Amino acid sequence: GRTLRAPGRFSVQSVEPSGDCFYECIHRLLPEDRPAQLEDAGAMREMVAAGLTKEVFDLYKMYATAGVEDFAWLLHHRAPETLGEFKDFARRSGKEHGAG
């Protein structure tokens, strides 16, 4: 095994796979007095969607076209085709629609 040597205290926490587990992990790490836009997975998804731009969308599409594996979902027949659809996709709850 390997030992992590760093100042401070660490713990391992389990988060149930839910489709929103990435945001749930972030939520657990934030202080109780966090801003309202970081209150829950839905609020965090809205903050991400609000920050998406045409340039980011075009960059993601370029990665998909170049064959970068993690961006292959943008080549799927139901992939977002406009910035608005891209933002809507970012807002989708993984609990309701499944991961990815």
PDB file of N, CA and C in Angstrom:
ATOM      1  N   GLY A   1       0.814  -1.188   0.000  1.00  0.00           N
ATOM      2  CA  GLY A   1       0.000   0.000   0.000  1.00  0.00           C
ATOM      3  C   GLY A   1       0.855   1.248   0.000  1.00  0.00           C
ATOM      4  N   ARG A   2       0.239   2.331  -0.327  1.00  0.00           N
ATOM      5  CA  ARG A   2       0.919   3.630  -0.337  1.00  0.00           C
ATOM      6  C   ARG A   2       0.335   4.495   0.764  1.00  0.00           C
ATOM      7  N   THR A   3       1.176   5.289   1.351  1.00  0.00           N
ATOM      8  CA  THR A   3       0.756   6.188   2.407  1.00  0.00           C
ATOM      9  C   THR A   3       0.752   7.610   1.872  1.00  0.00           C
ATOM     10  N   LEU A   4      -0.346   8.303   2.084  1.00  0.00           N
ATOM     11  CA  LEU A   4      -0.455   9.702   1.695  1.00  0.00           C
ATOM     12  C   LEU A   4       0.118  10.545   2.822  1.00  0.00           C
ATOM     13  N   ARG A   5       1.141  11.287   2.515  1.00  0.00           N
ATOM     14  CA  ARG A   5       1.759  12.143   3.528  1.00  0.00           C
ATOM     15  C   ARG A   5       1.474  13.590   3.156  1.00  0.00           C
ATOM     16  N   ALA A   6       0.606  14.200   3.933  1.00  0.00           N
ATOM     17  CA  ALA A   6       0.243  15.593   3.712  1.00  0.00           C
ATOM     18  C   ALA A   6      -0.287  16.149   5.022  1.00  0.00           C
ATOM     19  N   PRO A   7      -0.155  17.444   5.205  1.00  0.00           N
ATOM     20  CA  PRO A   7      -0.682  18.027   6.438  1.00  0.00           C
ATOM     21  C   PRO A   7      -2.203  17.957   6.467  1.00  0.00           C
ATOM     22  N   GLY A   8      -2.749  17.895   7.636  1.00  0.00           N
ATOM     23  CA  GLY A   8      -4.203  17.896   7.786  1.00  0.00           C
ATOM     24  C   GLY A   8      -4.762  16.514   8.034  1.00  0.00           C
ATOM     25  N   ARG A   9      -6.074  16.447   8.152  1.00  0.00           N
ATOM     26  CA  ARG A   9      -6.757  15.180   8.412  1.00  0.00           C
ATOM     27  C   ARG A   9      -7.553  14.786   7.184  1.00  0.00           C
ATOM     28  N   PHE A  10      -7.607  13.497   6.936  1.00  0.00           N
ATOM     29  CA  PHE A  10      -8.305  12.972   5.771  1.00  0.00           C
ATOM     30  C   PHE A  10      -9.259  11.877   6.194  1.00  0.00           C
ATOM     31  N   SER A  11     -10.295  11.711   5.430  1.00  0.00           N
ATOM     32  CA  SER A  11     -11.195  10.587   5.633  1.00  0.00           C
ATOM     33  C   SER A  11     -11.733  10.157   4.276  1.00  0.00           C
ATOM     34  N   VAL A  12     -12.167   8.931   4.219  1.00  0.00           N
ATOM     35  CA  VAL A  12     -12.775   8.405   2.999  1.00  0.00           C
ATOM     36  C   VAL A  12     -14.268   8.308   3.251  1.00  0.00           C
ATOM     37  N   GLN A  13     -15.043   8.854   2.326  1.00  0.00           N
ATOM     38  CA  GLN A  13     -16.492   8.810   2.456  1.00  0.00           C
ATOM     39  C   GLN A  13     -17.076   8.125   1.240  1.00  0.00           C
ATOM     40  N   SER A  14     -18.095   7.357   1.455  1.00  0.00           N
ATOM     41  CA  SER A  14     -18.763   6.665   0.365  1.00  0.00           C
ATOM     42  C   SER A  14     -19.989   7.470  -0.060  1.00  0.00           C
ATOM     43  N   VAL A  15     -20.154   7.613  -1.350  1.00  0.00           N
ATOM     44  CA  VAL A  15     -21.335   8.291  -1.893  1.00  0.00           C
ATOM     45  C   VAL A  15     -22.026   7.293  -2.810  1.00  0.00           C
ATOM     46  N   GLU A  16     -23.299   7.103  -2.589  1.00  0.00           N
ATOM     47  CA  GLU A  16     -24.065   6.163  -3.405  1.00  0.00           C
ATOM     48  C   GLU A  16     -24.080   6.612  -4.862  1.00  0.00           C
ATOM     49  N   PRO A  17     -23.879   5.690  -5.800  1.00  0.00           N
ATOM     50  CA  PRO A  17     -24.000   6.074  -7.217  1.00  0.00           C
ATOM     51  C   PRO A  17     -25.439   6.477  -7.515  1.00  0.00           C
ATOM     52  N   SER A  18     -25.605   7.670  -8.058  1.00  0.00           N
ATOM     53  CA  SER A  18     -26.964   8.188  -8.240  1.00  0.00           C
ATOM     54  C   SER A  18     -27.157   8.924  -9.557  1.00  0.00           C
ATOM     55  N   GLY A  19     -26.084   9.164 -10.268  1.00  0.00           N
ATOM     56  CA  GLY A  19     -26.184  10.029 -11.433  1.00  0.00           C
ATOM     57  C   GLY A  19     -25.888  11.471 -11.080  1.00  0.00           C
ATOM     58  N   ASP A  20     -26.022  11.811  -9.807  1.00  0.00           N
ATOM     59  CA  ASP A  20     -25.659  13.137  -9.312  1.00  0.00           C
ATOM     60  C   ASP A  20     -24.548  13.025  -8.269  1.00  0.00           C
ATOM     61  N   CYS A  21     -23.891  11.864  -8.210  1.00  0.00           N
ATOM     62  CA  CYS A  21     -22.911  11.616  -7.153  1.00  0.00           C
ATOM     63  C   CYS A  21     -21.702  12.556  -7.233  1.00  0.00           C
ATOM     64  N   PHE A  22     -21.328  13.010  -8.424  1.00  0.00           N
ATOM     65  CA  PHE A  22     -20.234  13.986  -8.524  1.00  0.00           C
ATOM     66  C   PHE A  22     -20.587  15.229  -7.723  1.00  0.00           C
ATOM     67  N   TYR A  23     -21.791  15.749  -7.923  1.00  0.00           N
ATOM     68  CA  TYR A  23     -22.220  16.948  -7.208  1.00  0.00           C
ATOM     69  C   TYR A  23     -22.422  16.664  -5.725  1.00  0.00           C
ATOM     70  N   GLU A  24     -22.873  15.470  -5.386  1.00  0.00           N
ATOM     71  CA  GLU A  24     -23.042  15.108  -3.978  1.00  0.00           C
ATOM     72  C   GLU A  24     -21.692  15.060  -3.264  1.00  0.00           C
ATOM     73  N   CYS A  25     -20.639  14.626  -3.953  1.00  0.00           N
ATOM     74  CA  CYS A  25     -19.289  14.647  -3.368  1.00  0.00           C
ATOM     75  C   CYS A  25     -18.858  16.074  -3.077  1.00  0.00           C
ATOM     76  N   ILE A  26     -19.078  16.957  -4.022  1.00  0.00           N
ATOM     77  CA  ILE A  26     -18.724  18.365  -3.819  1.00  0.00           C
ATOM     78  C   ILE A  26     -19.520  18.933  -2.651  1.00  0.00           C
ATOM     79  N   HIS A  27     -20.798  18.620  -2.609  1.00  0.00           N
ATOM     80  CA  HIS A  27     -21.680  19.117  -1.550  1.00  0.00           C
ATOM     81  C   HIS A  27     -21.156  18.734  -0.170  1.00  0.00           C
ATOM     82  N   ARG A  28     -20.683  17.504  -0.026  1.00  0.00           N
ATOM     83  CA  ARG A  28     -20.158  17.043   1.265  1.00  0.00           C
ATOM     84  C   ARG A  28     -18.915  17.806   1.696  1.00  0.00           C
ATOM     85  N   LEU A  29     -18.147  18.295   0.741  1.00  0.00           N
ATOM     86  CA  LEU A  29     -16.897  18.980   1.068  1.00  0.00           C
ATOM     87  C   LEU A  29     -17.073  20.467   1.360  1.00  0.00           C
ATOM     88  N   LEU A  30     -18.212  21.013   0.997  1.00  0.00           N
ATOM     89  CA  LEU A  30     -18.437  22.451   1.177  1.00  0.00           C
ATOM     90  C   LEU A  30     -18.848  22.765   2.608  1.00  0.00           C
ATOM     91  N   PRO A  31     -18.497  23.950   3.103  1.00  0.00           N
ATOM     92  CA  PRO A  31     -18.915  24.336   4.450  1.00  0.00           C
ATOM     93  C   PRO A  31     -20.428  24.551   4.510  1.00  0.00           C
ATOM     94  N   GLU A  32     -20.972  24.495   5.699  1.00  0.00           N
ATOM     95  CA  GLU A  32     -22.419  24.671   5.893  1.00  0.00           C
ATOM     96  C   GLU A  32     -22.911  26.032   5.412  1.00  0.00           C
ATOM     97  N   ASP A  33     -22.074  27.051   5.505  1.00  0.00           N
ATOM     98  CA  ASP A  33     -22.494  28.403   5.114  1.00  0.00           C
ATOM     99  C   ASP A  33     -22.177  28.703   3.648  1.00  0.00           C
ATOM    100  N   ARG A  34     -22.297  27.689   2.807  1.00  0.00           N
ATOM    101  CA  ARG A  34     -22.003  27.835   1.372  1.00  0.00           C
ATOM    102  C   ARG A  34     -23.036  28.746   0.700  1.00  0.00           C
ATOM    103  N   PRO A  35     -22.654  29.343  -0.424  1.00  0.00           N
ATOM    104  CA  PRO A  35     -23.595  30.202  -1.166  1.00  0.00           C
ATOM    105  C   PRO A  35     -24.783  29.388  -1.696  1.00  0.00           C
ATOM    106  N   ALA A  36     -25.888  30.052  -1.921  1.00  0.00           N
ATOM    107  CA  ALA A  36     -27.111  29.388  -2.373  1.00  0.00           C
ATOM    108  C   ALA A  36     -26.908  28.643  -3.691  1.00  0.00           C
ATOM    109  N   GLN A  37     -26.052  29.142  -4.589  1.00  0.00           N
ATOM    110  CA  GLN A  37     -25.854  28.476  -5.871  1.00  0.00           C
ATOM    111  C   GLN A  37     -25.101  27.148  -5.726  1.00  0.00           C
ATOM    112  N   LEU A  38     -24.640  26.837  -4.524  1.00  0.00           N
ATOM    113  CA  LEU A  38     -23.969  25.561  -4.263  1.00  0.00           C
ATOM    114  C   LEU A  38     -24.753  24.720  -3.263  1.00  0.00           C
ATOM    115  N   GLU A  39     -26.026  25.022  -3.080  1.00  0.00           N
ATOM    116  CA  GLU A  39     -26.850  24.384  -2.052  1.00  0.00           C
ATOM    117  C   GLU A  39     -27.088  22.898  -2.304  1.00  0.00           C
ATOM    118  N   ASP A  40     -27.288  22.518  -3.555  1.00  0.00           N
ATOM    119  CA  ASP A  40     -27.558  21.108  -3.855  1.00  0.00           C
ATOM    120  C   ASP A  40     -27.164  20.823  -5.307  1.00  0.00           C
ATOM    121  N   ALA A  41     -27.350  19.575  -5.727  1.00  0.00           N
ATOM    122  CA  ALA A  41     -26.943  19.180  -7.081  1.00  0.00           C
ATOM    123  C   ALA A  41     -27.649  20.018  -8.145  1.00  0.00           C
ATOM    124  N   GLY A  42     -28.932  20.279  -7.968  1.00  0.00           N
ATOM    125  CA  GLY A  42     -29.675  21.072  -8.951  1.00  0.00           C
ATOM    126  C   GLY A  42     -29.128  22.479  -9.078  1.00  0.00           C
ATOM    127  N   ALA A  43     -28.818  23.097  -7.946  1.00  0.00           N
ATOM    128  CA  ALA A  43     -28.266  24.454  -7.964  1.00  0.00           C
ATOM    129  C   ALA A  43     -26.880  24.461  -8.603  1.00  0.00           C
ATOM    130  N   MET A  44     -26.073  23.434  -8.304  1.00  0.00           N
ATOM    131  CA  MET A  44     -24.735  23.365  -8.900  1.00  0.00           C
ATOM    132  C   MET A  44     -24.826  23.132 -10.401  1.00  0.00           C
ATOM    133  N   ARG A  45     -25.758  22.290 -10.823  1.00  0.00           N
ATOM    134  CA  ARG A  45     -25.945  22.069 -12.265  1.00  0.00           C
ATOM    135  C   ARG A  45     -26.361  23.356 -12.958  1.00  0.00           C
ATOM    136  N   GLU A  46     -27.208  24.133 -12.320  1.00  0.00           N
ATOM    137  CA  GLU A  46     -27.645  25.415 -12.894  1.00  0.00           C
ATOM    138  C   GLU A  46     -26.458  26.365 -13.009  1.00  0.00           C
ATOM    139  N   MET A  47     -25.589  26.385 -12.013  1.00  0.00           N
ATOM    140  CA  MET A  47     -24.416  27.250 -12.057  1.00  0.00           C
ATOM    141  C   MET A  47     -23.488  26.831 -13.209  1.00  0.00           C
ATOM    142  N   VAL A  48     -23.306  25.527 -13.389  1.00  0.00           N
ATOM    143  CA  VAL A  48     -22.478  25.038 -14.498  1.00  0.00           C
ATOM    144  C   VAL A  48     -23.100  25.441 -15.829  1.00  0.00           C
ATOM    145  N   ALA A  49     -24.408  25.205 -15.982  1.00  0.00           N
ATOM    146  CA  ALA A  49     -25.094  25.532 -17.237  1.00  0.00           C
ATOM    147  C   ALA A  49     -24.981  27.021 -17.554  1.00  0.00           C
ATOM    148  N   ALA A  50     -25.121  27.848 -16.541  1.00  0.00           N
ATOM    149  CA  ALA A  50     -25.042  29.299 -16.752  1.00  0.00           C
ATOM    150  C   ALA A  50     -23.653  29.717 -17.229  1.00  0.00           C
ATOM    151  N   GLY A  51     -22.630  28.961 -16.871  1.00  0.00           N
ATOM    152  CA  GLY A  51     -21.276  29.300 -17.260  1.00  0.00           C
ATOM    153  C   GLY A  51     -20.843  28.761 -18.609  1.00  0.00           C
ATOM    154  N   LEU A  52     -21.663  27.919 -19.217  1.00  0.00           N
ATOM    155  CA  LEU A  52     -21.301  27.352 -20.513  1.00  0.00           C
ATOM    156  C   LEU A  52     -21.438  28.399 -21.613  1.00  0.00           C
ATOM    157  N   THR A  53     -20.477  28.388 -22.509  1.00  0.00           N
ATOM    158  CA  THR A  53     -20.461  29.357 -23.605  1.00  0.00           C
ATOM    159  C   THR A  53     -20.389  28.626 -24.941  1.00  0.00           C
ATOM    160  N   LYS A  54     -20.597  29.362 -26.008  1.00  0.00           N
ATOM    161  CA  LYS A  54     -20.465  28.803 -27.357  1.00  0.00           C
ATOM    162  C   LYS A  54     -19.052  28.269 -27.560  1.00  0.00           C
ATOM    163  N   GLU A  55     -18.064  28.977 -27.038  1.00  0.00           N
ATOM    164  CA  GLU A  55     -16.671  28.540 -27.180  1.00  0.00           C
ATOM    165  C   GLU A  55     -16.444  27.190 -26.502  1.00  0.00           C
ATOM    166  N   VAL A  56     -17.007  26.995 -25.315  1.00  0.00           N
ATOM    167  CA  VAL A  56     -16.876  25.715 -24.608  1.00  0.00           C
ATOM    168  C   VAL A  56     -17.583  24.618 -25.394  1.00  0.00           C
ATOM    169  N   PHE A  57     -18.786  24.905 -25.872  1.00  0.00           N
ATOM    170  CA  PHE A  57     -19.542  23.924 -26.657  1.00  0.00           C
ATOM    171  C   PHE A  57     -18.752  23.524 -27.908  1.00  0.00           C
ATOM    172  N   ASP A  58     -18.216  24.501 -28.616  1.00  0.00           N
ATOM    173  CA  ASP A  58     -17.429  24.211 -29.824  1.00  0.00           C
ATOM    174  C   ASP A  58     -16.174  23.406 -29.493  1.00  0.00           C
ATOM    175  N   LEU A  59     -15.542  23.698 -28.387  1.00  0.00           N
ATOM    176  CA  LEU A  59     -14.358  22.957 -27.955  1.00  0.00           C
ATOM    177  C   LEU A  59     -14.709  21.501 -27.653  1.00  0.00           C
ATOM    178  N   TYR A  60     -15.801  21.281 -26.932  1.00  0.00           N
ATOM    179  CA  TYR A  60     -16.253  19.917 -26.623  1.00  0.00           C
ATOM    180  C   TYR A  60     -16.556  19.151 -27.908  1.00  0.00           C
ATOM    181  N   LYS A  61     -17.238  19.807 -28.855  1.00  0.00           N
ATOM    182  CA  LYS A  61     -17.546  19.147 -30.134  1.00  0.00           C
ATOM    183  C   LYS A  61     -16.269  18.804 -30.890  1.00  0.00           C
ATOM    184  N   MET A  62     -15.274  19.691 -30.829  1.00  0.00           N
ATOM    185  CA  MET A  62     -14.004  19.421 -31.494  1.00  0.00           C
ATOM    186  C   MET A  62     -13.331  18.197 -30.860  1.00  0.00           C
ATOM    187  N   TYR A  63     -13.351  18.108 -29.540  1.00  0.00           N
ATOM    188  CA  TYR A  63     -12.781  16.945 -28.861  1.00  0.00           C
ATOM    189  C   TYR A  63     -13.493  15.671 -29.299  1.00  0.00           C
ATOM    190  N   ALA A  64     -14.812  15.721 -29.391  1.00  0.00           N
ATOM    191  CA  ALA A  64     -15.583  14.544 -29.809  1.00  0.00           C
ATOM    192  C   ALA A  64     -15.206  14.130 -31.223  1.00  0.00           C
ATOM    193  N   THR A  65     -15.137  15.097 -32.126  1.00  0.00           N
ATOM    194  CA  THR A  65     -14.786  14.829 -33.519  1.00  0.00           C
ATOM    195  C   THR A  65     -13.370  14.267 -33.636  1.00  0.00           C
ATOM    196  N   ALA A  66     -12.469  14.705 -32.757  1.00  0.00           N
ATOM    197  CA  ALA A  66     -11.081  14.232 -32.774  1.00  0.00           C
ATOM    198  C   ALA A  66     -10.938  12.844 -32.152  1.00  0.00           C
ATOM    199  N   GLY A  67     -12.032  12.320 -31.581  1.00  0.00           N
ATOM    200  CA  GLY A  67     -11.989  10.977 -31.019  1.00  0.00           C
ATOM    201  C   GLY A  67     -11.579  10.898 -29.569  1.00  0.00           C
ATOM    202  N   VAL A  68     -11.621  12.014 -28.842  1.00  0.00           N
ATOM    203  CA  VAL A  68     -11.308  11.986 -27.414  1.00  0.00           C
ATOM    204  C   VAL A  68     -12.447  11.238 -26.714  1.00  0.00           C
ATOM    205  N   GLU A  69     -12.102  10.129 -26.090  1.00  0.00           N
ATOM    206  CA  GLU A  69     -13.090   9.178 -25.580  1.00  0.00           C
ATOM    207  C   GLU A  69     -14.146   9.796 -24.664  1.00  0.00           C
ATOM    208  N   ASP A  70     -13.745  10.609 -23.716  1.00  0.00           N
ATOM    209  CA  ASP A  70     -14.701  11.160 -22.756  1.00  0.00           C
ATOM    210  C   ASP A  70     -15.711  12.118 -23.379  1.00  0.00           C
ATOM    211  N   PHE A  71     -15.513  12.480 -24.624  1.00  0.00           N
ATOM    212  CA  PHE A  71     -16.413  13.408 -25.303  1.00  0.00           C
ATOM    213  C   PHE A  71     -17.251  12.715 -26.374  1.00  0.00           C
ATOM    214  N   ALA A  72     -17.156  11.399 -26.461  1.00  0.00           N
ATOM    215  CA  ALA A  72     -17.873  10.634 -27.483  1.00  0.00           C
ATOM    216  C   ALA A  72     -19.391  10.801 -27.367  1.00  0.00           C
ATOM    217  N   TRP A  73     -19.893  11.104 -26.190  1.00  0.00           N
ATOM    218  CA  TRP A  73     -21.331  11.289 -26.008  1.00  0.00           C
ATOM    219  C   TRP A  73     -21.871  12.407 -26.901  1.00  0.00           C
ATOM    220  N   LEU A  74     -21.006  13.319 -27.330  1.00  0.00           N
ATOM    221  CA  LEU A  74     -21.450  14.403 -28.210  1.00  0.00           C
ATOM    222  C   LEU A  74     -21.646  13.948 -29.652  1.00  0.00           C
ATOM    223  N   LEU A  75     -21.337  12.694 -29.942  1.00  0.00           N
ATOM    224  CA  LEU A  75     -21.554  12.144 -31.279  1.00  0.00           C
ATOM    225  C   LEU A  75     -22.808  11.281 -31.326  1.00  0.00           C
ATOM    226  N   HIS A  76     -23.426  11.070 -30.177  1.00  0.00           N
ATOM    227  CA  HIS A  76     -24.642  10.257 -30.082  1.00  0.00           C
ATOM    228  C   HIS A  76     -25.796  10.950 -30.807  1.00  0.00           C
ATOM    229  N   HIS A  77     -26.738  10.195 -31.295  1.00  0.00           N
ATOM    230  CA  HIS A  77     -27.844  10.783 -32.069  1.00  0.00           C
ATOM    231  C   HIS A  77     -28.740  11.716 -31.241  1.00  0.00           C
ATOM    232  N   ARG A  78     -28.680  11.644 -29.913  1.00  0.00           N
ATOM    233  CA  ARG A  78     -29.467  12.544 -29.066  1.00  0.00           C
ATOM    234  C   ARG A  78     -28.603  13.630 -28.431  1.00  0.00           C
ATOM    235  N   ALA A  79     -27.395  13.793 -28.924  1.00  0.00           N
ATOM    236  CA  ALA A  79     -26.467  14.790 -28.368  1.00  0.00           C
ATOM    237  C   ALA A  79     -26.986  16.202 -28.628  1.00  0.00           C
ATOM    238  N   PRO A  80     -26.661  17.122 -27.734  1.00  0.00           N
ATOM    239  CA  PRO A  80     -27.073  18.516 -27.967  1.00  0.00           C
ATOM    240  C   PRO A  80     -26.434  19.077 -29.238  1.00  0.00           C
ATOM    241  N   GLU A  81     -27.237  19.835 -29.981  1.00  0.00           N
ATOM    242  CA  GLU A  81     -26.752  20.414 -31.237  1.00  0.00           C
ATOM    243  C   GLU A  81     -26.613  21.922 -31.172  1.00  0.00           C
ATOM    244  N   THR A  82     -27.150  22.527 -30.131  1.00  0.00           N
ATOM    245  CA  THR A  82     -27.057  23.976 -29.966  1.00  0.00           C
ATOM    246  C   THR A  82     -26.559  24.278 -28.554  1.00  0.00           C
ATOM    247  N   LEU A  83     -26.135  25.508 -28.340  1.00  0.00           N
ATOM    248  CA  LEU A  83     -25.702  25.912 -27.006  1.00  0.00           C
ATOM    249  C   LEU A  83     -26.848  25.761 -26.009  1.00  0.00           C
ATOM    250  N   GLY A  84     -28.049  26.112 -26.407  1.00  0.00           N
ATOM    251  CA  GLY A  84     -29.207  25.971 -25.521  1.00  0.00           C
ATOM    252  C   GLY A  84     -29.432  24.524 -25.109  1.00  0.00           C
ATOM    253  N   GLU A  85     -29.337  23.611 -26.067  1.00  0.00           N
ATOM    254  CA  GLU A  85     -29.492  22.185 -25.754  1.00  0.00           C
ATOM    255  C   GLU A  85     -28.352  21.699 -24.865  1.00  0.00           C
ATOM    256  N   PHE A  86     -27.152  22.219 -25.082  1.00  0.00           N
ATOM    257  CA  PHE A  86     -25.989  21.879 -24.272  1.00  0.00           C
ATOM    258  C   PHE A  86     -26.220  22.300 -22.822  1.00  0.00           C
ATOM    259  N   LYS A  87     -26.747  23.511 -22.637  1.00  0.00           N
ATOM    260  CA  LYS A  87     -27.057  24.003 -21.291  1.00  0.00           C
ATOM    261  C   LYS A  87     -28.167  23.169 -20.653  1.00  0.00           C
ATOM    262  N   ASP A  88     -29.184  22.825 -21.441  1.00  0.00           N
ATOM    263  CA  ASP A  88     -30.263  21.975 -20.924  1.00  0.00           C
ATOM    264  C   ASP A  88     -29.721  20.620 -20.480  1.00  0.00           C
ATOM    265  N   PHE A  89     -28.777  20.073 -21.245  1.00  0.00           N
ATOM    266  CA  PHE A  89     -28.162  18.797 -20.900  1.00  0.00           C
ATOM    267  C   PHE A  89     -27.424  18.910 -19.561  1.00  0.00           C
ATOM    268  N   ALA A  90     -26.721  20.019 -19.357  1.00  0.00           N
ATOM    269  CA  ALA A  90     -25.993  20.228 -18.103  1.00  0.00           C
ATOM    270  C   ALA A  90     -26.939  20.327 -16.914  1.00  0.00           C
ATOM    271  N   ARG A  91     -28.152  20.777 -17.146  1.00  0.00           N
ATOM    272  CA  ARG A  91     -29.144  20.933 -16.070  1.00  0.00           C
ATOM    273  C   ARG A  91     -29.849  19.622 -15.719  1.00  0.00           C
ATOM    274  N   ARG A  92     -29.748  18.630 -16.594  1.00  0.00           N
ATOM    275  CA  ARG A  92     -30.475  17.371 -16.381  1.00  0.00           C
ATOM    276  C   ARG A  92     -29.986  16.645 -15.143  1.00  0.00           C
ATOM    277  N   SER A  93     -30.907  16.249 -14.318  1.00  0.00           N
ATOM    278  CA  SER A  93     -30.568  15.495 -13.117  1.00  0.00           C
ATOM    279  C   SER A  93     -30.180  14.074 -13.477  1.00  0.00           C
ATOM    280  N   GLY A  94     -29.038  13.645 -12.982  1.00  0.00           N
ATOM    281  CA  GLY A  94     -28.627  12.263 -13.191  1.00  0.00           C
ATOM    282  C   GLY A  94     -29.562  11.289 -12.505  1.00  0.00           C
ATOM    283  N   LYS A  95     -30.176  11.714 -11.407  1.00  0.00           N
ATOM    284  CA  LYS A  95     -31.136  10.844 -10.705  1.00  0.00           C
ATOM    285  C   LYS A  95     -32.353  10.563 -11.587  1.00  0.00           C
ATOM    286  N   GLU A  96     -32.740  11.538 -12.379  1.00  0.00           N
ATOM    287  CA  GLU A  96     -33.919  11.404 -13.223  1.00  0.00           C
ATOM    288  C   GLU A  96     -33.610  10.811 -14.585  1.00  0.00           C
ATOM    289  N   HIS A  97     -32.419  11.103 -15.144  1.00  0.00           N
ATOM    290  CA  HIS A  97     -32.099  10.714 -16.527  1.00  0.00           C
ATOM    291  C   HIS A  97     -30.962   9.704 -16.639  1.00  0.00           C
ATOM    292  N   GLY A  98     -30.331   9.361 -15.533  1.00  0.00           N
ATOM    293  CA  GLY A  98     -29.189   8.454 -15.571  1.00  0.00           C
ATOM    294  C   GLY A  98     -27.898   9.228 -15.726  1.00  0.00           C
ATOM    295  N   ALA A  99     -26.818   8.583 -15.373  1.00  0.00           N
ATOM    296  CA  ALA A  99     -25.502   9.231 -15.443  1.00  0.00           C
ATOM    297  C   ALA A  99     -25.162   9.553 -16.882  1.00  0.00           C
ATOM    298  N   GLY A 100     -24.413  10.684 -17.047  1.00  0.00           N
ATOM    299  CA  GLY A 100     -23.949  11.066 -18.390  1.00  0.00           C
ATOM    300  C   GLY A 100     -25.027  11.597 -19.168  1.00  0.00           C
TER     301      GLY A 100
END
